[in-house]
Amino acid sequence: MREQDIKTIRAFLIALSQLELPLDESLQKQLHQLGEELAIDIEAAIESLRKLIYQHDFLKNLYTPALKSLQLAYQAQPRNKCILPLEDSEPESENRELENFLLPDNSLKLFQHILKSNDSVQTTKDTKNQLQTSPEIASLPPTSPDSSYLNTVDVYNHAWVYIFG
């Protein structure tokens, strides 16, 4: 899974958690179908999710700033530095760094559960509440200390989505 896919999931969950009312039946049905698709083809399901978000202004208006906030937080993180061994052959076209962005099975199953629930908004809020009370998540600063330009309130309010990735 690509880094952008994980950001999409995180930003979508932030957007869902900010909604006051449940989604209408038609939209909830589409999310349920995405949950089914997620089990078959993750990348296609995430692309379908993006299309769905941009079809609905109320989702797009919550998703866009959440995505921007996540991108700023990601850019503020220090990069891992490592020296790779020299190889005689040409490097493979596949980017091995993508392995770092694979979602753990449990968080992917949790995301699928949210999509397939009868009320994705409430399930997301319940998940958020459970994760925010988890000691591991509560102590997880998603950005480096030198990223003071970021709105730290937003960053820590959204720390719960970092379990998804």
N, C-alpha and C. Protein backbone atom coordinates (compact mmCIF):
# COMPACT_ATOMS: atom_id res chain seq x y z
N MET A 1 0.84 -1.18 0.00
CA MET A 1 0.00 0.00 0.00
C MET A 1 0.89 1.24 0.00
N ARG A 2 0.48 2.20 -0.77
CA ARG A 2 1.26 3.42 -0.90
C ARG A 2 1.03 4.36 0.29
N GLU A 3 2.01 5.20 0.51
CA GLU A 3 1.93 6.19 1.58
C GLU A 3 0.67 7.05 1.43
N GLN A 4 0.36 7.45 0.20
CA GLN A 4 -0.81 8.30 -0.04
C GLN A 4 -2.10 7.56 0.30
N ASP A 5 -2.14 6.25 0.13
CA ASP A 5 -3.32 5.47 0.48
C ASP A 5 -3.57 5.52 1.99
N ILE A 6 -2.51 5.42 2.75
CA ILE A 6 -2.63 5.48 4.21
C ILE A 6 -3.11 6.86 4.64
N LYS A 7 -2.57 7.89 4.02
CA LYS A 7 -3.03 9.25 4.33
C LYS A 7 -4.50 9.41 3.98
N THR A 8 -4.93 8.82 2.89
CA THR A 8 -6.34 8.89 2.49
C THR A 8 -7.23 8.25 3.56
N ILE A 9 -6.84 7.07 4.03
CA ILE A 9 -7.61 6.40 5.07
C ILE A 9 -7.66 7.26 6.32
N ARG A 10 -6.52 7.77 6.75
CA ARG A 10 -6.47 8.58 7.96
C ARG A 10 -7.32 9.84 7.82
N ALA A 11 -7.19 10.56 6.71
CA ALA A 11 -7.95 11.79 6.52
C ALA A 11 -9.45 11.50 6.43
N PHE A 12 -9.81 10.41 5.80
CA PHE A 12 -11.22 10.04 5.71
C PHE A 12 -11.79 9.74 7.10
N LEU A 13 -11.03 9.04 7.91
CA LEU A 13 -11.49 8.74 9.27
C LEU A 13 -11.63 10.01 10.11
N ILE A 14 -10.70 10.94 9.94
CA ILE A 14 -10.83 12.23 10.64
C ILE A 14 -12.10 12.93 10.19
N ALA A 15 -12.36 12.93 8.89
CA ALA A 15 -13.56 13.57 8.35
C ALA A 15 -14.82 12.91 8.92
N LEU A 16 -14.86 11.58 8.92
CA LEU A 16 -16.02 10.87 9.46
C LEU A 16 -16.24 11.21 10.93
N SER A 17 -15.16 11.29 11.67
CA SER A 17 -15.28 11.55 13.12
C SER A 17 -15.81 12.94 13.42
N GLN A 18 -15.77 13.84 12.44
CA GLN A 18 -16.23 15.21 12.63
C GLN A 18 -17.69 15.41 12.23
N LEU A 19 -18.29 14.41 11.61
CA LEU A 19 -19.70 14.53 11.20
C LEU A 19 -20.61 14.45 12.41
N GLU A 20 -21.67 15.21 12.38
CA GLU A 20 -22.64 15.23 13.47
C GLU A 20 -23.75 14.19 13.28
N LEU A 21 -24.13 13.97 12.04
CA LEU A 21 -25.24 13.06 11.73
C LEU A 21 -24.73 11.82 10.99
N PRO A 22 -25.46 10.71 11.09
CA PRO A 22 -25.07 9.53 10.31
C PRO A 22 -25.18 9.81 8.82
N LEU A 23 -24.48 9.03 8.04
CA LEU A 23 -24.55 9.13 6.59
C LEU A 23 -25.90 8.63 6.11
N ASP A 24 -26.33 9.14 4.96
CA ASP A 24 -27.61 8.63 4.44
C ASP A 24 -27.41 7.19 4.00
N GLU A 25 -28.53 6.50 3.85
CA GLU A 25 -28.50 5.07 3.57
C GLU A 25 -27.73 4.73 2.30
N SER A 26 -27.89 5.55 1.27
CA SER A 26 -27.21 5.31 -0.01
C SER A 26 -25.70 5.38 0.15
N LEU A 27 -25.22 6.41 0.82
CA LEU A 27 -23.78 6.58 1.03
C LEU A 27 -23.23 5.49 1.94
N GLN A 28 -23.98 5.13 2.96
CA GLN A 28 -23.55 4.06 3.86
C GLN A 28 -23.44 2.74 3.10
N LYS A 29 -24.35 2.51 2.16
CA LYS A 29 -24.30 1.31 1.32
C LYS A 29 -23.03 1.29 0.45
N GLN A 30 -22.68 2.47 -0.07
CA GLN A 30 -21.46 2.57 -0.89
C GLN A 30 -20.22 2.28 -0.04
N LEU A 31 -20.21 2.75 1.20
CA LEU A 31 -19.08 2.45 2.08
C LEU A 31 -19.02 0.96 2.38
N HIS A 32 -20.18 0.35 2.56
CA HIS A 32 -20.22 -1.09 2.80
C HIS A 32 -19.61 -1.83 1.62
N GLN A 33 -19.93 -1.40 0.40
CA GLN A 33 -19.36 -2.02 -0.80
C GLN A 33 -17.85 -1.82 -0.85
N LEU A 34 -17.39 -0.62 -0.42
CA LEU A 34 -15.95 -0.37 -0.37
C LEU A 34 -15.28 -1.31 0.63
N GLY A 35 -15.96 -1.59 1.73
CA GLY A 35 -15.43 -2.54 2.70
C GLY A 35 -15.25 -3.92 2.11
N GLU A 36 -16.20 -4.32 1.27
CA GLU A 36 -16.09 -5.60 0.57
C GLU A 36 -14.93 -5.56 -0.42
N GLU A 37 -14.83 -4.47 -1.16
CA GLU A 37 -13.77 -4.32 -2.17
C GLU A 37 -12.39 -4.29 -1.52
N LEU A 38 -12.32 -3.76 -0.32
CA LEU A 38 -11.05 -3.66 0.41
C LEU A 38 -10.43 -5.04 0.64
N ALA A 39 -11.27 -6.03 0.83
CA ALA A 39 -10.79 -7.40 1.05
C ALA A 39 -10.22 -8.02 -0.22
N ILE A 40 -10.62 -7.48 -1.38
CA ILE A 40 -10.21 -8.05 -2.65
C ILE A 40 -9.04 -7.28 -3.27
N ASP A 41 -9.18 -5.97 -3.34
CA ASP A 41 -8.17 -5.13 -3.99
C ASP A 41 -8.06 -3.80 -3.23
N ILE A 42 -7.06 -3.70 -2.38
CA ILE A 42 -6.92 -2.55 -1.50
C ILE A 42 -6.75 -1.25 -2.29
N GLU A 43 -5.86 -1.26 -3.26
CA GLU A 43 -5.59 -0.03 -4.01
C GLU A 43 -6.81 0.45 -4.78
N ALA A 44 -7.56 -0.46 -5.37
CA ALA A 44 -8.78 -0.08 -6.09
C ALA A 44 -9.82 0.47 -5.12
N ALA A 45 -9.91 -0.15 -3.94
CA ALA A 45 -10.87 0.32 -2.94
C ALA A 45 -10.53 1.73 -2.46
N ILE A 46 -9.25 2.01 -2.26
CA ILE A 46 -8.84 3.33 -1.81
C ILE A 46 -9.10 4.36 -2.91
N GLU A 47 -8.86 3.99 -4.14
CA GLU A 47 -9.15 4.91 -5.25
C GLU A 47 -10.65 5.17 -5.34
N SER A 48 -11.46 4.16 -5.15
CA SER A 48 -12.92 4.34 -5.14
C SER A 48 -13.33 5.23 -3.97
N LEU A 49 -12.66 5.08 -2.84
CA LEU A 49 -12.94 5.92 -1.67
C LEU A 49 -12.66 7.39 -2.00
N ARG A 50 -11.53 7.65 -2.65
CA ARG A 50 -11.20 9.03 -3.04
C ARG A 50 -12.28 9.62 -3.94
N LYS A 51 -12.71 8.84 -4.92
CA LYS A 51 -13.76 9.31 -5.83
C LYS A 51 -15.05 9.61 -5.07
N LEU A 52 -15.38 8.73 -4.14
CA LEU A 52 -16.59 8.91 -3.35
C LEU A 52 -16.51 10.19 -2.51
N ILE A 53 -15.38 10.43 -1.91
CA ILE A 53 -15.19 11.63 -1.08
C ILE A 53 -15.42 12.88 -1.92
N TYR A 54 -14.83 12.92 -3.10
CA TYR A 54 -14.92 14.12 -3.93
C TYR A 54 -16.29 14.28 -4.61
N GLN A 55 -17.12 13.26 -4.54
CA GLN A 55 -18.48 13.37 -5.06
C GLN A 55 -19.42 14.06 -4.07
N HIS A 56 -19.01 14.14 -2.82
CA HIS A 56 -19.86 14.69 -1.77
C HIS A 56 -19.14 15.87 -1.11
N ASP A 57 -19.68 17.06 -1.32
CA ASP A 57 -19.03 18.28 -0.81
C ASP A 57 -18.82 18.25 0.70
N PHE A 58 -19.80 17.76 1.44
CA PHE A 58 -19.65 17.75 2.90
C PHE A 58 -18.49 16.87 3.35
N LEU A 59 -18.23 15.78 2.64
CA LEU A 59 -17.06 14.93 2.95
C LEU A 59 -15.78 15.60 2.48
N LYS A 60 -15.81 16.13 1.28
CA LYS A 60 -14.62 16.79 0.71
C LYS A 60 -14.18 17.96 1.58
N ASN A 61 -15.14 18.72 2.11
CA ASN A 61 -14.82 19.89 2.94
C ASN A 61 -14.19 19.51 4.28
N LEU A 62 -14.43 18.32 4.77
CA LEU A 62 -13.79 17.84 6.00
C LEU A 62 -12.50 17.08 5.69
N TYR A 63 -12.51 16.35 4.59
CA TYR A 63 -11.37 15.51 4.19
C TYR A 63 -10.16 16.34 3.78
N THR A 64 -10.38 17.38 2.99
CA THR A 64 -9.28 18.16 2.43
C THR A 64 -8.39 18.79 3.51
N PRO A 65 -8.93 19.50 4.51
CA PRO A 65 -8.05 20.04 5.54
C PRO A 65 -7.39 18.95 6.40
N ALA A 66 -8.10 17.84 6.60
CA ALA A 66 -7.50 16.74 7.36
C ALA A 66 -6.30 16.17 6.61
N LEU A 67 -6.45 15.99 5.31
CA LEU A 67 -5.36 15.48 4.49
C LEU A 67 -4.18 16.45 4.50
N LYS A 68 -4.47 17.73 4.38
CA LYS A 68 -3.41 18.74 4.39
C LYS A 68 -2.66 18.73 5.73
N SER A 69 -3.40 18.59 6.82
CA SER A 69 -2.79 18.53 8.15
C SER A 69 -1.88 17.31 8.27
N LEU A 70 -2.34 16.17 7.77
CA LEU A 70 -1.53 14.95 7.81
C LEU A 70 -0.27 15.09 6.95
N GLN A 71 -0.41 15.73 5.80
CA GLN A 71 0.75 15.92 4.93
C GLN A 71 1.77 16.84 5.58
N LEU A 72 1.31 17.89 6.24
CA LEU A 72 2.23 18.78 6.96
C LEU A 72 2.93 18.05 8.09
N ALA A 73 2.18 17.23 8.80
CA ALA A 73 2.77 16.46 9.90
C ALA A 73 3.82 15.50 9.37
N TYR A 74 3.52 14.87 8.23
CA TYR A 74 4.47 13.93 7.64
C TYR A 74 5.74 14.65 7.19
N GLN A 75 5.59 15.82 6.57
CA GLN A 75 6.75 16.56 6.10
C GLN A 75 7.63 17.04 7.25
N ALA A 76 7.03 17.23 8.42
CA ALA A 76 7.77 17.72 9.57
C ALA A 76 8.58 16.62 10.25
N GLN A 77 8.26 15.37 9.96
CA GLN A 77 8.96 14.27 10.61
C GLN A 77 10.37 14.14 10.05
N PRO A 78 11.32 13.85 10.94
CA PRO A 78 12.69 13.64 10.44
C PRO A 78 12.75 12.37 9.60
N ARG A 79 13.52 12.41 8.58
CA ARG A 79 13.67 11.25 7.68
C ARG A 79 14.62 10.24 8.31
N ASN A 80 14.29 8.96 8.11
CA ASN A 80 15.19 7.90 8.55
C ASN A 80 16.38 7.87 7.61
N LYS A 81 17.54 7.76 8.18
CA LYS A 81 18.74 7.70 7.36
C LYS A 81 19.37 6.33 7.54
N CYS A 82 19.65 5.69 6.42
CA CYS A 82 20.32 4.40 6.49
C CYS A 82 21.20 4.25 5.26
N ILE A 83 22.21 3.44 5.40
CA ILE A 83 23.10 3.17 4.29
C ILE A 83 22.76 1.78 3.78
N LEU A 84 22.43 1.72 2.51
CA LEU A 84 22.11 0.44 1.91
C LEU A 84 23.37 -0.18 1.34
N PRO A 85 23.47 -1.50 1.41
CA PRO A 85 24.66 -2.14 0.82
C PRO A 85 24.68 -1.94 -0.69
N LEU A 86 25.87 -1.82 -1.23
CA LEU A 86 26.02 -1.68 -2.68
C LEU A 86 25.72 -3.02 -3.34
N GLU A 87 25.04 -2.93 -4.46
CA GLU A 87 24.72 -4.14 -5.20
C GLU A 87 25.34 -4.03 -6.59
N ASP A 88 25.79 -5.16 -7.13
CA ASP A 88 26.37 -5.17 -8.46
C ASP A 88 25.31 -5.02 -9.53
N SER A 89 24.11 -5.51 -9.23
CA SER A 89 23.05 -5.47 -10.25
C SER A 89 22.28 -4.16 -10.17
N GLU A 90 21.49 -3.91 -11.20
CA GLU A 90 20.62 -2.74 -11.23
C GLU A 90 19.59 -2.85 -10.12
N PRO A 91 19.22 -1.74 -9.50
CA PRO A 91 18.17 -1.82 -8.47
C PRO A 91 16.84 -2.23 -9.11
N GLU A 92 16.06 -2.96 -8.33
CA GLU A 92 14.75 -3.40 -8.82
C GLU A 92 13.85 -2.19 -9.00
N SER A 93 12.94 -2.30 -9.94
CA SER A 93 12.02 -1.19 -10.19
C SER A 93 11.05 -1.02 -9.03
N GLU A 94 10.83 -2.08 -8.28
CA GLU A 94 9.91 -1.99 -7.14
C GLU A 94 10.56 -1.19 -6.02
N ASN A 95 9.83 -0.28 -5.45
CA ASN A 95 10.33 0.55 -4.36
C ASN A 95 10.14 -0.20 -3.04
N ARG A 96 11.24 -0.61 -2.44
CA ARG A 96 11.16 -1.39 -1.22
C ARG A 96 10.73 -0.55 -0.02
N GLU A 97 10.86 0.76 -0.11
CA GLU A 97 10.43 1.61 0.98
C GLU A 97 8.93 1.53 1.21
N LEU A 98 8.19 1.12 0.21
CA LEU A 98 6.74 1.02 0.36
C LEU A 98 6.36 0.00 1.42
N GLU A 99 7.23 -0.96 1.66
CA GLU A 99 6.95 -1.94 2.70
C GLU A 99 6.76 -1.28 4.05
N ASN A 100 7.38 -0.13 4.27
CA ASN A 100 7.24 0.60 5.53
C ASN A 100 5.84 1.16 5.71
N PHE A 101 5.09 1.27 4.63
CA PHE A 101 3.78 1.90 4.70
C PHE A 101 2.64 0.90 4.67
N LEU A 102 2.94 -0.38 4.76
CA LEU A 102 1.87 -1.37 4.77
C LEU A 102 1.08 -1.27 6.07
N LEU A 103 -0.24 -1.33 5.94
CA LEU A 103 -1.08 -1.31 7.12
C LEU A 103 -1.01 -2.65 7.83
N PRO A 104 -0.91 -2.64 9.14
CA PRO A 104 -1.00 -3.91 9.85
C PRO A 104 -2.38 -4.53 9.61
N ASP A 105 -2.44 -5.85 9.64
CA ASP A 105 -3.70 -6.54 9.39
C ASP A 105 -4.81 -6.05 10.31
N ASN A 106 -4.50 -5.86 11.59
CA ASN A 106 -5.54 -5.45 12.52
C ASN A 106 -6.12 -4.09 12.19
N SER A 107 -5.30 -3.13 11.81
CA SER A 107 -5.85 -1.81 11.51
C SER A 107 -6.62 -1.83 10.19
N LEU A 108 -6.20 -2.65 9.25
CA LEU A 108 -6.94 -2.78 8.00
C LEU A 108 -8.31 -3.43 8.27
N LYS A 109 -8.33 -4.44 9.14
CA LYS A 109 -9.60 -5.07 9.50
C LYS A 109 -10.50 -4.10 10.25
N LEU A 110 -9.91 -3.27 11.09
CA LEU A 110 -10.69 -2.26 11.80
C LEU A 110 -11.28 -1.25 10.83
N PHE A 111 -10.51 -0.80 9.85
CA PHE A 111 -11.01 0.12 8.84
C PHE A 111 -12.15 -0.54 8.05
N GLN A 112 -11.97 -1.79 7.71
CA GLN A 112 -13.00 -2.52 6.98
C GLN A 112 -14.27 -2.63 7.84
N HIS A 113 -14.11 -2.86 9.13
CA HIS A 113 -15.25 -2.93 10.06
C HIS A 113 -16.01 -1.60 10.08
N ILE A 114 -15.27 -0.49 10.08
CA ILE A 114 -15.90 0.84 10.07
C ILE A 114 -16.71 1.03 8.79
N LEU A 115 -16.13 0.66 7.66
CA LEU A 115 -16.83 0.82 6.38
C LEU A 115 -18.08 -0.05 6.31
N LYS A 116 -18.01 -1.24 6.86
CA LYS A 116 -19.12 -2.19 6.73
C LYS A 116 -20.17 -2.07 7.83
N SER A 117 -19.94 -1.19 8.79
CA SER A 117 -20.91 -1.05 9.89
C SER A 117 -22.19 -0.37 9.39
N ASN A 118 -23.23 -0.45 10.19
CA ASN A 118 -24.50 0.20 9.83
C ASN A 118 -24.44 1.71 9.97
N ASP A 119 -23.54 2.20 10.81
CA ASP A 119 -23.38 3.64 11.01
C ASP A 119 -21.88 3.93 11.12
N SER A 120 -21.25 4.18 9.98
CA SER A 120 -19.80 4.40 9.95
C SER A 120 -19.37 5.61 10.76
N VAL A 121 -20.22 6.62 10.83
CA VAL A 121 -19.88 7.83 11.59
C VAL A 121 -19.76 7.47 13.07
N GLN A 122 -20.78 6.79 13.62
CA GLN A 122 -20.75 6.44 15.04
C GLN A 122 -19.66 5.42 15.33
N THR A 123 -19.46 4.48 14.45
CA THR A 123 -18.40 3.47 14.65
C THR A 123 -17.03 4.15 14.66
N THR A 124 -16.84 5.13 13.79
CA THR A 124 -15.58 5.88 13.78
C THR A 124 -15.40 6.65 15.08
N LYS A 125 -16.45 7.30 15.55
CA LYS A 125 -16.37 8.05 16.82
C LYS A 125 -16.08 7.12 17.99
N ASP A 126 -16.71 5.95 18.00
CA ASP A 126 -16.46 4.97 19.06
C ASP A 126 -15.01 4.48 19.01
N THR A 127 -14.53 4.22 17.80
CA THR A 127 -13.15 3.78 17.61
C THR A 127 -12.18 4.86 18.08
N LYS A 128 -12.46 6.09 17.70
CA LYS A 128 -11.63 7.23 18.12
C LYS A 128 -11.57 7.30 19.64
N ASN A 129 -12.72 7.21 20.29
CA ASN A 129 -12.76 7.29 21.76
C ASN A 129 -11.96 6.16 22.40
N GLN A 130 -12.10 4.95 21.86
CA GLN A 130 -11.36 3.81 22.40
C GLN A 130 -9.86 3.99 22.20
N LEU A 131 -9.47 4.44 21.02
CA LEU A 131 -8.05 4.61 20.73
C LEU A 131 -7.44 5.76 21.51
N GLN A 132 -8.20 6.83 21.72
CA GLN A 132 -7.67 7.97 22.47
C GLN A 132 -7.45 7.63 23.93
N THR A 133 -8.17 6.67 24.46
CA THR A 133 -7.97 6.28 25.85
C THR A 133 -6.89 5.21 25.99
N SER A 134 -6.41 4.71 24.86
CA SER A 134 -5.32 3.72 24.88
C SER A 134 -4.01 4.41 25.25
N PRO A 135 -3.28 3.88 26.23
CA PRO A 135 -2.02 4.52 26.64
C PRO A 135 -1.00 4.61 25.51
N GLU A 136 -0.99 3.64 24.59
CA GLU A 136 -0.03 3.68 23.50
C GLU A 136 -0.31 4.86 22.57
N ILE A 137 -1.58 5.11 22.28
CA ILE A 137 -1.96 6.18 21.37
C ILE A 137 -1.83 7.53 22.07
N ALA A 138 -2.24 7.58 23.33
CA ALA A 138 -2.20 8.85 24.06
C ALA A 138 -0.78 9.40 24.15
N SER A 139 0.22 8.52 24.15
CA SER A 139 1.61 8.98 24.27
C SER A 139 2.31 9.09 22.92
N LEU A 140 1.58 8.92 21.85
CA LEU A 140 2.19 8.91 20.51
C LEU A 140 2.18 10.30 19.91
N PRO A 141 3.33 10.99 19.90
CA PRO A 141 3.38 12.27 19.19
C PRO A 141 3.68 12.02 17.72
N PRO A 142 2.77 12.34 16.81
CA PRO A 142 2.98 12.01 15.41
C PRO A 142 3.97 12.91 14.69
N THR A 143 4.42 13.98 15.33
CA THR A 143 5.39 14.85 14.67
C THR A 143 6.60 15.03 15.57
N SER A 144 7.63 15.56 14.98
CA SER A 144 8.85 15.80 15.74
C SER A 144 8.69 17.06 16.58
N PRO A 145 9.49 17.21 17.65
CA PRO A 145 9.36 18.37 18.51
C PRO A 145 9.64 19.69 17.80
N ASP A 146 10.43 19.67 16.73
CA ASP A 146 10.76 20.92 16.06
C ASP A 146 9.70 21.37 15.06
N SER A 147 8.54 20.72 15.08
CA SER A 147 7.47 21.10 14.14
C SER A 147 6.46 22.01 14.83
N SER A 148 6.95 22.99 15.54
CA SER A 148 6.08 23.86 16.32
C SER A 148 5.15 24.70 15.46
N TYR A 149 5.44 24.82 14.18
CA TYR A 149 4.57 25.60 13.31
C TYR A 149 3.24 24.92 13.06
N LEU A 150 3.17 23.62 13.31
CA LEU A 150 1.92 22.90 13.13
C LEU A 150 0.97 23.21 14.29
N ASN A 151 -0.30 23.13 14.03
CA ASN A 151 -1.28 23.30 15.09
C ASN A 151 -1.24 22.05 15.96
N THR A 152 -0.56 22.13 17.09
CA THR A 152 -0.36 20.95 17.91
C THR A 152 -1.67 20.40 18.48
N VAL A 153 -2.67 21.25 18.66
CA VAL A 153 -3.96 20.76 19.12
C VAL A 153 -4.54 19.80 18.09
N ASP A 154 -4.52 20.18 16.81
CA ASP A 154 -5.02 19.31 15.76
C ASP A 154 -4.22 18.02 15.68
N VAL A 155 -2.90 18.13 15.77
CA VAL A 155 -2.04 16.96 15.67
C VAL A 155 -2.37 15.96 16.76
N TYR A 156 -2.50 16.42 18.00
CA TYR A 156 -2.78 15.49 19.08
C TYR A 156 -4.22 15.02 19.09
N ASN A 157 -5.15 15.83 18.61
CA ASN A 157 -6.53 15.37 18.49
C ASN A 157 -6.65 14.27 17.45
N HIS A 158 -5.76 14.26 16.48
CA HIS A 158 -5.83 13.27 15.42
C HIS A 158 -4.80 12.15 15.58
N ALA A 159 -4.13 12.09 16.73
CA ALA A 159 -3.12 11.05 16.94
C ALA A 159 -3.72 9.65 16.83
N TRP A 160 -4.99 9.51 17.12
CA TRP A 160 -5.63 8.20 17.06
C TRP A 160 -5.59 7.58 15.68
N VAL A 161 -5.56 8.38 14.61
CA VAL A 161 -5.56 7.80 13.26
C VAL A 161 -4.21 7.17 12.90
N TYR A 162 -3.18 7.46 13.68
CA TYR A 162 -1.86 6.90 13.37
C TYR A 162 -1.78 5.41 13.64
N ILE A 163 -2.81 4.85 14.26
CA ILE A 163 -2.88 3.39 14.39
C ILE A 163 -3.14 2.77 13.02
N PHE A 164 -3.70 3.57 12.10
CA PHE A 164 -3.98 3.11 10.74
C PHE A 164 -2.76 3.42 9.88
N GLY A 165 -1.75 2.62 10.01
CA GLY A 165 -0.56 2.83 9.22
C GLY A 165 0.62 2.54 9.99
